[in-house]
C-alpha atoms as a PDB file:
ATOM      1  CA  MET A   1       0.000   0.000   0.000  1.00  0.00           C
ATOM      2  CA  SER A   2       1.413   3.351  -1.028  1.00  0.00           C
ATOM      3  CA  ARG A   3       1.022   6.367   1.233  1.00  0.00           C
ATOM      4  CA  THR A   4       1.410   9.874  -0.059  1.00  0.00           C
ATOM      5  CA  ARG A   5       3.021  12.347   2.294  1.00  0.00           C
ATOM      6  CA  SER A   6       1.935  15.936   2.037  1.00  0.00           C
ATOM      7  CA  LEU A   7       4.402  18.762   2.201  1.00  0.00           C
ATOM      8  CA  ILE A   8       3.598  21.925   4.127  1.00  0.00           C
ATOM      9  CA  ILE A   9       5.593  24.993   3.153  1.00  0.00           C
ATOM     10  CA  ALA A  10       5.684  28.042   5.424  1.00  0.00           C
ATOM     11  CA  ILE A  11       7.116  31.350   4.255  1.00  0.00           C
ATOM     12  CA  ASP A  12       8.080  33.948   6.833  1.00  0.00           C
ATOM     13  CA  GLY A  13       9.526  37.417   6.601  1.00  0.00           C
ATOM     14  CA  PRO A  14       8.941  41.090   7.275  1.00  0.00           C
ATOM     15  CA  SER A  15       5.980  43.051   5.998  1.00  0.00           C
ATOM     16  CA  GLY A  16       6.273  43.994   2.343  1.00  0.00           C
ATOM     17  CA  ALA A  17       9.019  41.472   1.569  1.00  0.00           C
ATOM     18  CA  GLY A  18       6.985  39.658  -1.082  1.00  0.00           C
ATOM     19  CA  LYS A  19       5.961  36.603   0.938  1.00  0.00           C
ATOM     20  CA  GLY A  20       2.468  36.553  -0.517  1.00  0.00           C
ATOM     21  CA  THR A  21       3.673  36.925  -4.081  1.00  0.00           C
ATOM     22  CA  VAL A  22       6.203  34.127  -3.667  1.00  0.00           C
ATOM     23  CA  ALA A  23       3.693  31.912  -1.846  1.00  0.00           C
ATOM     24  CA  ARG A  24       1.000  32.288  -4.504  1.00  0.00           C
ATOM     25  CA  GLU A  25       3.445  31.594  -7.329  1.00  0.00           C
ATOM     26  CA  LEU A  26       4.954  28.598  -5.538  1.00  0.00           C
ATOM     27  CA  ALA A  27       1.488  27.184  -4.866  1.00  0.00           C
ATOM     28  CA  ARG A  28       0.569  27.673  -8.521  1.00  0.00           C
ATOM     29  CA  ARG A  29       3.713  25.954  -9.773  1.00  0.00           C
ATOM     30  CA  LEU A  30       3.395  23.027  -7.368  1.00  0.00           C
ATOM     31  CA  ASP A  31      -0.383  22.778  -7.767  1.00  0.00           C
ATOM     32  CA  TYR A  32      -0.798  23.326  -4.029  1.00  0.00           C
ATOM     33  CA  ARG A  33      -3.418  25.236  -2.106  1.00  0.00           C
ATOM     34  CA  HIS A  34      -2.362  28.655  -0.861  1.00  0.00           C
ATOM     35  CA  LEU A  35      -3.485  29.547   2.657  1.00  0.00           C
ATOM     36  CA  ASP A  36      -2.851  33.134   3.740  1.00  0.00           C
ATOM     37  CA  THR A  37      -2.741  32.827   7.528  1.00  0.00           C
ATOM     38  CA  GLY A  38      -2.080  36.543   7.922  1.00  0.00           C
ATOM     39  CA  ALA A  39      -5.406  37.270   6.245  1.00  0.00           C
ATOM     40  CA  MET A  40      -7.047  34.699   8.499  1.00  0.00           C
ATOM     41  CA  TYR A  41      -5.657  36.343  11.641  1.00  0.00           C
ATOM     42  CA  ARG A  42      -6.763  39.778  10.450  1.00  0.00           C
ATOM     43  CA  ALA A  43     -10.271  38.521   9.626  1.00  0.00           C
ATOM     44  CA  VAL A  44     -10.717  36.885  13.033  1.00  0.00           C
ATOM     45  CA  SER A  45      -9.410  40.011  14.773  1.00  0.00           C
ATOM     46  CA  TRP A  46     -11.751  42.227  12.752  1.00  0.00           C
ATOM     47  CA  LYS A  47     -14.741  40.010  13.589  1.00  0.00           C
ATOM     48  CA  ALA A  48     -13.846  39.997  17.291  1.00  0.00           C
ATOM     49  CA  LEU A  49     -13.603  43.777  17.351  1.00  0.00           C
ATOM     50  CA  GLN A  50     -16.910  44.075  15.447  1.00  0.00           C
ATOM     51  CA  GLU A  51     -18.549  41.902  18.107  1.00  0.00           C
ATOM     52  CA  GLY A  52     -16.991  43.920  20.934  1.00  0.00           C
ATOM     53  CA  ILE A  53     -14.765  41.046  22.039  1.00  0.00           C
ATOM     54  CA  SER A  54     -11.387  41.880  23.517  1.00  0.00           C
ATOM     55  CA  LEU A  55      -8.485  40.412  21.580  1.00  0.00           C
ATOM     56  CA  ASP A  56      -7.101  39.398  24.987  1.00  0.00           C
ATOM     57  CA  ASP A  57     -10.072  37.044  25.466  1.00  0.00           C
ATOM     58  CA  GLU A  58      -8.347  33.976  24.048  1.00  0.00           C
ATOM     59  CA  HIS A  59     -11.338  31.638  24.343  1.00  0.00           C
ATOM     60  CA  ALA A  60     -13.809  34.028  22.710  1.00  0.00           C
ATOM     61  CA  VAL A  61     -11.432  34.801  19.842  1.00  0.00           C
ATOM     62  CA  ALA A  62     -10.761  31.076  19.356  1.00  0.00           C
ATOM     63  CA  ALA A  63     -14.524  30.484  19.192  1.00  0.00           C
ATOM     64  CA  ILE A  64     -14.796  33.057  16.392  1.00  0.00           C
ATOM     65  CA  ALA A  65     -12.039  31.283  14.473  1.00  0.00           C
ATOM     66  CA  GLN A  66     -13.694  27.892  14.956  1.00  0.00           C
ATOM     67  CA  ARG A  67     -17.034  28.994  13.557  1.00  0.00           C
ATOM     68  CA  ALA A  68     -15.539  30.915  10.624  1.00  0.00           C
ATOM     69  CA  ALA A  69     -16.390  29.737   7.130  1.00  0.00           C
ATOM     70  CA  LEU A  70     -13.332  29.368   4.926  1.00  0.00           C
ATOM     71  CA  GLU A  71     -13.911  30.103   1.267  1.00  0.00           C
END
């Protein structure tokens, strides 16, 4: 039985360094999915603030992330 191992690639660097551009192109070339975690963090933070939830309330912010719909 053959098992396929998936490869996870993380790209890190300072703001404006081109991480997103490189990540999208790499994902395209490798036929991988691109997941922008920075955008995810910003979206969850925005939703928490919209709902009046303190970003220090770890459990409430985690609950927002858990019920988020990824598209």
